[in-house]
Amino acid sequence: MPEFNAKQADNRMKLSEIFAPELVRAPLKAADKTGAITELVDVLSETGRLTDRDEVLRAVLDREGTRSTGIGNGLAVPHGKCAGCPKLVMAVGRPETPIEFGSTDGKPVRLIVLLASPPDETGPHIQALARISRLMLMEEFRRDVLAAGSPQEIYDLILKYEH
């Protein structure tokens, strides 16, 4: 019988556990979907969160190729799972101008939250996706994060609203 893992069973996982201020890019330099995903993977790689940048980039782009991760309300959550990522991590980017992402609502993306995790962290990966989606359903959060003046402010808003 598998051992019970309370951390995986806890639906109250906080984004602050997988996220830090240096993982926010605002504004993103990229002007298209692939460029934005690449820039956010590079942020994770440059801050020492990945063991294989190219493998993570390939996993995220492959996932994006199956179906757009533009989920509406100006948000995209590109994500991927592979061995090049030793633990669940998150990077956030706000493009200077909205990026066409093939979103479900047909609107361009104004905030991109990239998740990467190892293949065996399905539960935490899904929990993080759910927490991000819940945040973006809050009109006040969307307004505040799009008006934020700095990466630190975006980080602080994510922590404030997830509580």
N, C-alpha and C. Protein backbone atom coordinates (compact mmCIF):
# COMPACT_ATOMS: atom_id res chain seq x y z
N MET A 1 0.84 -1.17 0.00
CA MET A 1 0.00 0.00 0.00
C MET A 1 0.89 1.25 0.00
N PRO A 2 0.60 2.26 -0.89
CA PRO A 2 1.45 3.44 -0.93
C PRO A 2 1.35 4.24 0.36
N GLU A 3 2.48 4.87 0.70
CA GLU A 3 2.53 5.68 1.92
C GLU A 3 1.71 6.96 1.71
N PHE A 4 0.96 7.38 2.73
CA PHE A 4 0.17 8.60 2.66
C PHE A 4 1.09 9.80 2.68
N ASN A 5 0.88 10.71 1.77
CA ASN A 5 1.67 11.93 1.70
C ASN A 5 0.76 13.11 1.98
N ALA A 6 0.83 13.68 3.18
CA ALA A 6 -0.06 14.77 3.58
C ALA A 6 0.12 16.00 2.70
N LYS A 7 1.34 16.26 2.28
CA LYS A 7 1.57 17.44 1.45
C LYS A 7 0.82 17.33 0.11
N GLN A 8 0.84 16.15 -0.50
CA GLN A 8 0.12 15.97 -1.75
C GLN A 8 -1.39 15.98 -1.52
N ALA A 9 -1.83 15.53 -0.36
CA ALA A 9 -3.27 15.49 -0.09
C ALA A 9 -3.81 16.86 0.29
N ASP A 10 -2.93 17.79 0.66
CA ASP A 10 -3.36 19.11 1.12
C ASP A 10 -3.66 20.01 -0.07
N ASN A 11 -4.93 20.34 -0.25
CA ASN A 11 -5.33 21.20 -1.36
C ASN A 11 -5.01 22.67 -1.11
N ARG A 12 -4.45 22.96 0.04
CA ARG A 12 -4.14 24.36 0.36
C ARG A 12 -2.69 24.69 0.06
N MET A 13 -2.06 23.97 -0.83
CA MET A 13 -0.70 24.29 -1.24
C MET A 13 -0.66 25.75 -1.67
N LYS A 14 0.35 26.48 -1.24
CA LYS A 14 0.48 27.90 -1.56
C LYS A 14 1.43 28.10 -2.73
N LEU A 15 1.09 29.06 -3.59
CA LEU A 15 1.96 29.37 -4.72
C LEU A 15 3.32 29.88 -4.23
N SER A 16 3.35 30.49 -3.05
CA SER A 16 4.62 30.98 -2.50
C SER A 16 5.63 29.85 -2.28
N GLU A 17 5.15 28.60 -2.22
CA GLU A 17 6.06 27.46 -2.05
C GLU A 17 6.84 27.16 -3.33
N ILE A 18 6.35 27.63 -4.46
CA ILE A 18 6.97 27.29 -5.75
C ILE A 18 7.40 28.53 -6.53
N PHE A 19 7.40 29.68 -5.87
CA PHE A 19 7.49 30.96 -6.55
C PHE A 19 8.32 31.93 -5.72
N ALA A 20 9.02 32.85 -6.38
CA ALA A 20 9.83 33.86 -5.69
C ALA A 20 9.84 35.14 -6.53
N PRO A 21 10.14 36.29 -5.92
CA PRO A 21 10.10 37.55 -6.66
C PRO A 21 10.98 37.58 -7.91
N GLU A 22 12.12 36.89 -7.88
CA GLU A 22 13.02 36.91 -9.04
C GLU A 22 12.48 36.10 -10.22
N LEU A 23 11.33 35.45 -10.03
CA LEU A 23 10.72 34.66 -11.10
C LEU A 23 9.60 35.42 -11.81
N VAL A 24 9.55 36.73 -11.61
CA VAL A 24 8.56 37.58 -12.29
C VAL A 24 9.30 38.45 -13.31
N ARG A 25 8.78 38.49 -14.54
CA ARG A 25 9.31 39.38 -15.57
C ARG A 25 8.19 40.30 -16.04
N ALA A 26 8.37 41.59 -15.77
CA ALA A 26 7.40 42.59 -16.19
C ALA A 26 8.16 43.87 -16.52
N PRO A 27 8.23 44.22 -17.77
CA PRO A 27 7.57 43.54 -18.88
C PRO A 27 8.42 42.42 -19.47
N LEU A 28 7.74 41.47 -20.09
CA LEU A 28 8.43 40.47 -20.91
C LEU A 28 8.93 41.17 -22.16
N LYS A 29 10.09 40.76 -22.64
CA LYS A 29 10.62 41.33 -23.89
C LYS A 29 9.94 40.70 -25.11
N ALA A 30 9.52 39.46 -24.97
CA ALA A 30 8.93 38.71 -26.09
C ALA A 30 7.62 39.33 -26.56
N ALA A 31 7.35 39.17 -27.85
CA ALA A 31 6.12 39.71 -28.43
C ALA A 31 5.23 38.62 -29.02
N ASP A 32 5.65 37.35 -28.87
CA ASP A 32 4.81 36.25 -29.37
C ASP A 32 4.83 35.09 -28.38
N LYS A 33 3.94 34.14 -28.59
CA LYS A 33 3.74 33.02 -27.66
C LYS A 33 5.03 32.23 -27.41
N THR A 34 5.69 31.79 -28.47
CA THR A 34 6.90 30.98 -28.31
C THR A 34 8.00 31.77 -27.61
N GLY A 35 8.14 33.03 -27.98
CA GLY A 35 9.14 33.88 -27.33
C GLY A 35 8.86 34.07 -25.85
N ALA A 36 7.60 34.25 -25.49
CA ALA A 36 7.23 34.44 -24.08
C ALA A 36 7.50 33.17 -23.27
N ILE A 37 7.14 32.02 -23.83
CA ILE A 37 7.40 30.76 -23.14
C ILE A 37 8.90 30.56 -22.96
N THR A 38 9.67 30.81 -24.01
CA THR A 38 11.12 30.67 -23.94
C THR A 38 11.71 31.60 -22.89
N GLU A 39 11.25 32.84 -22.86
CA GLU A 39 11.76 33.81 -21.89
C GLU A 39 11.48 33.36 -20.45
N LEU A 40 10.30 32.82 -20.20
CA LEU A 40 9.97 32.38 -18.84
C LEU A 40 10.74 31.11 -18.46
N VAL A 41 10.95 30.20 -19.40
CA VAL A 41 11.79 29.03 -19.12
C VAL A 41 13.21 29.49 -18.81
N ASP A 42 13.69 30.49 -19.55
CA ASP A 42 15.03 31.03 -19.29
C ASP A 42 15.13 31.64 -17.90
N VAL A 43 14.08 32.30 -17.45
CA VAL A 43 14.05 32.85 -16.09
C VAL A 43 14.25 31.73 -15.07
N LEU A 44 13.53 30.63 -15.25
CA LEU A 44 13.68 29.49 -14.35
C LEU A 44 15.08 28.91 -14.42
N SER A 45 15.63 28.81 -15.62
CA SER A 45 16.96 28.25 -15.80
C SER A 45 18.04 29.15 -15.19
N GLU A 46 17.94 30.44 -15.47
CA GLU A 46 18.96 31.40 -14.98
C GLU A 46 18.97 31.51 -13.47
N THR A 47 17.87 31.20 -12.82
CA THR A 47 17.80 31.28 -11.35
C THR A 47 18.05 29.92 -10.70
N GLY A 48 18.52 28.94 -11.49
CA GLY A 48 18.94 27.66 -10.96
C GLY A 48 17.82 26.69 -10.61
N ARG A 49 16.61 26.91 -11.15
CA ARG A 49 15.49 26.04 -10.83
C ARG A 49 15.40 24.81 -11.72
N LEU A 50 16.15 24.76 -12.82
CA LEU A 50 16.05 23.66 -13.78
C LEU A 50 17.39 22.94 -13.90
N THR A 51 17.32 21.66 -14.20
CA THR A 51 18.56 20.92 -14.48
C THR A 51 18.79 20.77 -15.98
N ASP A 52 17.74 20.95 -16.78
CA ASP A 52 17.87 20.85 -18.24
C ASP A 52 16.89 21.82 -18.91
N ARG A 53 17.37 23.01 -19.19
CA ARG A 53 16.55 24.08 -19.77
C ARG A 53 15.89 23.64 -21.07
N ASP A 54 16.67 23.01 -21.96
CA ASP A 54 16.14 22.62 -23.27
C ASP A 54 15.03 21.57 -23.15
N GLU A 55 15.19 20.63 -22.23
CA GLU A 55 14.18 19.60 -22.03
C GLU A 55 12.87 20.23 -21.52
N VAL A 56 12.98 21.18 -20.60
CA VAL A 56 11.79 21.85 -20.06
C VAL A 56 11.12 22.67 -21.16
N LEU A 57 11.90 23.41 -21.92
CA LEU A 57 11.33 24.20 -23.01
C LEU A 57 10.60 23.30 -24.00
N ARG A 58 11.21 22.20 -24.36
CA ARG A 58 10.59 21.25 -25.29
C ARG A 58 9.28 20.70 -24.72
N ALA A 59 9.27 20.35 -23.43
CA ALA A 59 8.07 19.80 -22.79
C ALA A 59 6.92 20.82 -22.79
N VAL A 60 7.24 22.07 -22.48
CA VAL A 60 6.20 23.11 -22.44
C VAL A 60 5.68 23.40 -23.85
N LEU A 61 6.59 23.53 -24.82
CA LEU A 61 6.16 23.81 -26.19
C LEU A 61 5.38 22.62 -26.78
N ASP A 62 5.80 21.40 -26.45
CA ASP A 62 5.05 20.22 -26.91
C ASP A 62 3.63 20.23 -26.35
N ARG A 63 3.49 20.55 -25.07
CA ARG A 63 2.17 20.61 -24.44
C ARG A 63 1.34 21.71 -25.09
N GLU A 64 1.95 22.83 -25.37
CA GLU A 64 1.25 23.95 -25.99
C GLU A 64 0.78 23.57 -27.39
N GLY A 65 1.55 22.72 -28.06
CA GLY A 65 1.20 22.28 -29.41
C GLY A 65 -0.04 21.40 -29.45
N THR A 66 -0.37 20.75 -28.34
CA THR A 66 -1.55 19.89 -28.32
C THR A 66 -2.83 20.70 -28.14
N ARG A 67 -2.76 21.77 -27.37
CA ARG A 67 -3.91 22.63 -27.13
C ARG A 67 -3.44 23.89 -26.44
N SER A 68 -3.92 25.05 -26.87
CA SER A 68 -3.49 26.31 -26.28
C SER A 68 -3.79 26.36 -24.79
N THR A 69 -2.87 26.95 -24.05
CA THR A 69 -3.07 27.13 -22.61
C THR A 69 -3.59 28.53 -22.30
N GLY A 70 -4.04 29.25 -23.32
CA GLY A 70 -4.71 30.53 -23.10
C GLY A 70 -6.11 30.22 -22.59
N ILE A 71 -6.36 30.48 -21.30
CA ILE A 71 -7.60 30.01 -20.68
C ILE A 71 -8.67 31.09 -20.55
N GLY A 72 -8.41 32.28 -21.07
CA GLY A 72 -9.39 33.35 -20.99
C GLY A 72 -9.05 34.36 -19.92
N ASN A 73 -9.79 35.46 -19.90
CA ASN A 73 -9.56 36.55 -18.95
C ASN A 73 -8.14 37.12 -19.05
N GLY A 74 -7.51 37.01 -20.22
CA GLY A 74 -6.18 37.56 -20.42
C GLY A 74 -5.06 36.72 -19.84
N LEU A 75 -5.35 35.46 -19.49
CA LEU A 75 -4.36 34.60 -18.86
C LEU A 75 -4.00 33.41 -19.72
N ALA A 76 -2.71 33.07 -19.71
CA ALA A 76 -2.22 31.81 -20.28
C ALA A 76 -1.40 31.12 -19.21
N VAL A 77 -1.52 29.80 -19.14
CA VAL A 77 -0.78 29.01 -18.16
C VAL A 77 -0.06 27.88 -18.90
N PRO A 78 0.98 28.22 -19.67
CA PRO A 78 1.75 27.16 -20.31
C PRO A 78 2.42 26.30 -19.24
N HIS A 79 2.46 25.01 -19.47
CA HIS A 79 3.03 24.12 -18.47
C HIS A 79 3.56 22.85 -19.11
N GLY A 80 4.46 22.21 -18.39
CA GLY A 80 5.04 20.96 -18.88
C GLY A 80 5.65 20.18 -17.74
N LYS A 81 5.78 18.88 -17.98
CA LYS A 81 6.37 17.98 -17.00
C LYS A 81 7.49 17.21 -17.65
N CYS A 82 8.66 17.19 -16.98
CA CYS A 82 9.79 16.44 -17.50
C CYS A 82 10.87 16.32 -16.43
N ALA A 83 11.81 15.44 -16.68
CA ALA A 83 12.89 15.19 -15.72
C ALA A 83 13.85 16.37 -15.61
N GLY A 84 13.83 17.29 -16.55
CA GLY A 84 14.71 18.46 -16.50
C GLY A 84 14.32 19.47 -15.46
N CYS A 85 13.25 19.19 -14.74
CA CYS A 85 12.75 20.07 -13.69
C CYS A 85 12.68 19.24 -12.40
N PRO A 86 13.56 19.50 -11.43
CA PRO A 86 13.61 18.65 -10.24
C PRO A 86 12.45 18.82 -9.27
N LYS A 87 11.76 19.97 -9.30
CA LYS A 87 10.59 20.16 -8.43
C LYS A 87 9.66 21.18 -9.08
N LEU A 88 8.42 21.22 -8.65
CA LEU A 88 7.43 22.14 -9.19
C LEU A 88 7.89 23.58 -9.00
N VAL A 89 7.88 24.34 -10.12
CA VAL A 89 8.28 25.75 -10.09
C VAL A 89 7.35 26.57 -10.97
N MET A 90 7.35 27.88 -10.74
CA MET A 90 6.45 28.78 -11.45
C MET A 90 7.19 30.06 -11.77
N ALA A 91 6.97 30.58 -12.98
CA ALA A 91 7.48 31.90 -13.38
C ALA A 91 6.30 32.68 -13.96
N VAL A 92 6.32 33.99 -13.78
CA VAL A 92 5.22 34.84 -14.22
C VAL A 92 5.77 35.94 -15.11
N GLY A 93 5.06 36.21 -16.20
CA GLY A 93 5.45 37.29 -17.10
C GLY A 93 4.24 38.12 -17.51
N ARG A 94 4.47 39.41 -17.57
CA ARG A 94 3.44 40.32 -18.09
C ARG A 94 4.01 41.00 -19.32
N PRO A 95 3.45 40.65 -20.50
CA PRO A 95 3.98 41.24 -21.74
C PRO A 95 3.72 42.74 -21.80
N GLU A 96 4.61 43.44 -22.48
CA GLU A 96 4.44 44.89 -22.66
C GLU A 96 3.16 45.19 -23.43
N THR A 97 2.93 44.40 -24.47
CA THR A 97 1.67 44.49 -25.21
C THR A 97 1.06 43.10 -25.23
N PRO A 98 -0.27 42.99 -25.19
CA PRO A 98 -0.91 41.67 -25.15
C PRO A 98 -0.45 40.78 -26.31
N ILE A 99 -0.35 39.47 -26.02
CA ILE A 99 0.15 38.48 -26.97
C ILE A 99 -0.98 37.56 -27.39
N GLU A 100 -1.08 37.30 -28.69
CA GLU A 100 -2.05 36.34 -29.21
C GLU A 100 -1.61 34.94 -28.77
N PHE A 101 -2.51 34.22 -28.11
CA PHE A 101 -2.16 32.92 -27.54
C PHE A 101 -3.13 31.83 -27.95
N GLY A 102 -4.12 32.17 -28.80
CA GLY A 102 -5.13 31.18 -29.16
C GLY A 102 -6.05 30.88 -27.99
N SER A 103 -6.34 31.89 -27.19
CA SER A 103 -7.15 31.72 -25.97
C SER A 103 -8.57 31.28 -26.28
N THR A 104 -9.18 30.63 -25.30
CA THR A 104 -10.54 30.12 -25.47
C THR A 104 -11.54 31.25 -25.71
N ASP A 105 -11.28 32.45 -25.16
CA ASP A 105 -12.21 33.57 -25.36
C ASP A 105 -11.81 34.44 -26.56
N GLY A 106 -10.75 34.05 -27.28
CA GLY A 106 -10.32 34.78 -28.47
C GLY A 106 -9.57 36.07 -28.18
N LYS A 107 -9.34 36.39 -26.91
CA LYS A 107 -8.65 37.64 -26.54
C LYS A 107 -7.17 37.38 -26.30
N PRO A 108 -6.35 38.39 -26.57
CA PRO A 108 -4.92 38.22 -26.33
C PRO A 108 -4.62 38.12 -24.83
N VAL A 109 -3.43 37.63 -24.53
CA VAL A 109 -3.00 37.36 -23.16
C VAL A 109 -2.23 38.54 -22.60
N ARG A 110 -2.53 38.87 -21.35
CA ARG A 110 -1.88 39.98 -20.66
C ARG A 110 -1.06 39.52 -19.46
N LEU A 111 -1.23 38.24 -19.08
CA LEU A 111 -0.45 37.67 -17.98
C LEU A 111 -0.18 36.20 -18.33
N ILE A 112 1.07 35.79 -18.15
CA ILE A 112 1.46 34.41 -18.46
C ILE A 112 2.09 33.81 -17.20
N VAL A 113 1.55 32.68 -16.79
CA VAL A 113 2.07 31.95 -15.63
C VAL A 113 2.54 30.60 -16.13
N LEU A 114 3.84 30.37 -16.09
CA LEU A 114 4.43 29.13 -16.58
C LEU A 114 4.71 28.20 -15.41
N LEU A 115 4.26 26.97 -15.52
CA LEU A 115 4.52 25.94 -14.52
C LEU A 115 5.35 24.83 -15.15
N ALA A 116 6.30 24.33 -14.38
CA ALA A 116 7.08 23.17 -14.80
C ALA A 116 7.26 22.27 -13.59
N SER A 117 7.20 20.97 -13.83
CA SER A 117 7.36 20.03 -12.73
C SER A 117 7.92 18.71 -13.24
N PRO A 118 8.46 17.90 -12.31
CA PRO A 118 8.90 16.56 -12.70
C PRO A 118 7.68 15.68 -12.98
N PRO A 119 7.86 14.61 -13.71
CA PRO A 119 6.73 13.76 -14.09
C PRO A 119 5.94 13.18 -12.91
N ASP A 120 6.57 13.03 -11.76
CA ASP A 120 5.90 12.38 -10.63
C ASP A 120 5.17 13.35 -9.70
N GLU A 121 5.03 14.62 -10.07
CA GLU A 121 4.35 15.60 -9.20
C GLU A 121 3.02 16.03 -9.80
N THR A 122 2.21 15.08 -10.21
CA THR A 122 0.93 15.39 -10.84
C THR A 122 -0.01 16.13 -9.90
N GLY A 123 -0.16 15.67 -8.66
CA GLY A 123 -1.07 16.30 -7.71
C GLY A 123 -0.74 17.77 -7.47
N PRO A 124 0.49 18.10 -7.04
CA PRO A 124 0.85 19.49 -6.83
C PRO A 124 0.74 20.34 -8.10
N HIS A 125 1.07 19.75 -9.25
CA HIS A 125 0.98 20.45 -10.53
C HIS A 125 -0.47 20.88 -10.79
N ILE A 126 -1.40 19.97 -10.60
CA ILE A 126 -2.82 20.26 -10.81
C ILE A 126 -3.32 21.26 -9.78
N GLN A 127 -2.88 21.13 -8.53
CA GLN A 127 -3.28 22.09 -7.49
C GLN A 127 -2.82 23.51 -7.84
N ALA A 128 -1.59 23.63 -8.34
CA ALA A 128 -1.08 24.95 -8.72
C ALA A 128 -1.89 25.53 -9.88
N LEU A 129 -2.21 24.70 -10.87
CA LEU A 129 -3.04 25.17 -11.98
C LEU A 129 -4.39 25.67 -11.47
N ALA A 130 -4.98 24.95 -10.54
CA ALA A 130 -6.28 25.35 -9.98
C ALA A 130 -6.18 26.66 -9.21
N ARG A 131 -5.12 26.83 -8.42
CA ARG A 131 -4.96 28.07 -7.64
C ARG A 131 -4.79 29.27 -8.57
N ILE A 132 -4.02 29.12 -9.63
CA ILE A 132 -3.82 30.21 -10.58
C ILE A 132 -5.14 30.55 -11.26
N SER A 133 -5.88 29.54 -11.67
CA SER A 133 -7.17 29.77 -12.32
C SER A 133 -8.13 30.51 -11.39
N ARG A 134 -8.16 30.12 -10.12
CA ARG A 134 -9.03 30.80 -9.16
C ARG A 134 -8.66 32.27 -9.01
N LEU A 135 -7.36 32.55 -8.96
CA LEU A 135 -6.92 33.95 -8.86
C LEU A 135 -7.45 34.77 -10.04
N MET A 136 -7.32 34.21 -11.23
CA MET A 136 -7.70 34.96 -12.43
C MET A 136 -9.21 35.13 -12.57
N LEU A 137 -9.98 34.40 -11.81
CA LEU A 137 -11.43 34.61 -11.82
C LEU A 137 -11.81 35.86 -11.03
N MET A 138 -10.89 36.35 -10.20
CA MET A 138 -11.14 37.54 -9.38
C MET A 138 -10.85 38.80 -10.19
N GLU A 139 -11.89 39.55 -10.49
CA GLU A 139 -11.72 40.77 -11.29
C GLU A 139 -10.76 41.75 -10.62
N GLU A 140 -10.85 41.87 -9.31
CA GLU A 140 -9.98 42.80 -8.59
C GLU A 140 -8.51 42.39 -8.72
N PHE A 141 -8.24 41.09 -8.63
CA PHE A 141 -6.87 40.62 -8.80
C PHE A 141 -6.36 40.95 -10.20
N ARG A 142 -7.17 40.63 -11.22
CA ARG A 142 -6.75 40.91 -12.60
C ARG A 142 -6.42 42.38 -12.78
N ARG A 143 -7.30 43.23 -12.29
CA ARG A 143 -7.10 44.68 -12.42
C ARG A 143 -5.80 45.09 -11.72
N ASP A 144 -5.61 44.63 -10.48
CA ASP A 144 -4.43 45.04 -9.71
C ASP A 144 -3.13 44.53 -10.31
N VAL A 145 -3.10 43.27 -10.77
CA VAL A 145 -1.86 42.71 -11.29
C VAL A 145 -1.49 43.37 -12.63
N LEU A 146 -2.50 43.75 -13.42
CA LEU A 146 -2.21 44.42 -14.69
C LEU A 146 -1.77 45.86 -14.48
N ALA A 147 -2.14 46.45 -13.36
CA ALA A 147 -1.74 47.83 -13.05
C ALA A 147 -0.45 47.90 -12.24
N ALA A 148 0.05 46.76 -11.78
CA ALA A 148 1.24 46.73 -10.93
C ALA A 148 2.42 47.38 -11.64
N GLY A 149 3.21 48.13 -10.86
CA GLY A 149 4.32 48.88 -11.44
C GLY A 149 5.64 48.16 -11.47
N SER A 150 5.73 47.01 -10.81
CA SER A 150 7.03 46.32 -10.75
C SER A 150 6.82 44.81 -10.57
N PRO A 151 7.86 44.03 -10.88
CA PRO A 151 7.78 42.59 -10.64
C PRO A 151 7.49 42.27 -9.16
N GLN A 152 8.12 43.02 -8.24
CA GLN A 152 7.88 42.77 -6.81
C GLN A 152 6.40 42.99 -6.47
N GLU A 153 5.80 44.01 -7.06
CA GLU A 153 4.39 44.28 -6.80
C GLU A 153 3.50 43.13 -7.30
N ILE A 154 3.83 42.58 -8.47
CA ILE A 154 3.08 41.43 -9.00
C ILE A 154 3.22 40.24 -8.05
N TYR A 155 4.44 39.98 -7.61
CA TYR A 155 4.67 38.89 -6.65
C TYR A 155 3.84 39.10 -5.39
N ASP A 156 3.90 40.31 -4.83
CA ASP A 156 3.16 40.61 -3.60
C ASP A 156 1.65 40.44 -3.79
N LEU A 157 1.13 40.84 -4.94
CA LEU A 157 -0.31 40.70 -5.21
C LEU A 157 -0.72 39.23 -5.29
N ILE A 158 0.10 38.40 -5.92
CA ILE A 158 -0.21 36.97 -6.00
C ILE A 158 -0.30 36.39 -4.59
N LEU A 159 0.65 36.73 -3.74
CA LEU A 159 0.62 36.22 -2.36
C LEU A 159 -0.57 36.77 -1.59
N LYS A 160 -0.87 38.04 -1.78
CA LYS A 160 -2.00 38.66 -1.06
C LYS A 160 -3.32 37.99 -1.43
N TYR A 161 -3.56 37.82 -2.71
CA TYR A 161 -4.86 37.32 -3.17
C TYR A 161 -5.03 35.82 -3.00
N GLU A 162 -3.95 35.07 -2.88
CA GLU A 162 -4.12 33.63 -2.74
C GLU A 162 -4.49 33.24 -1.31
N HIS A 163 -4.39 34.15 -0.37
CA HIS A 163 -4.72 33.83 1.04
C HIS A 163 -6.19 33.94 1.31
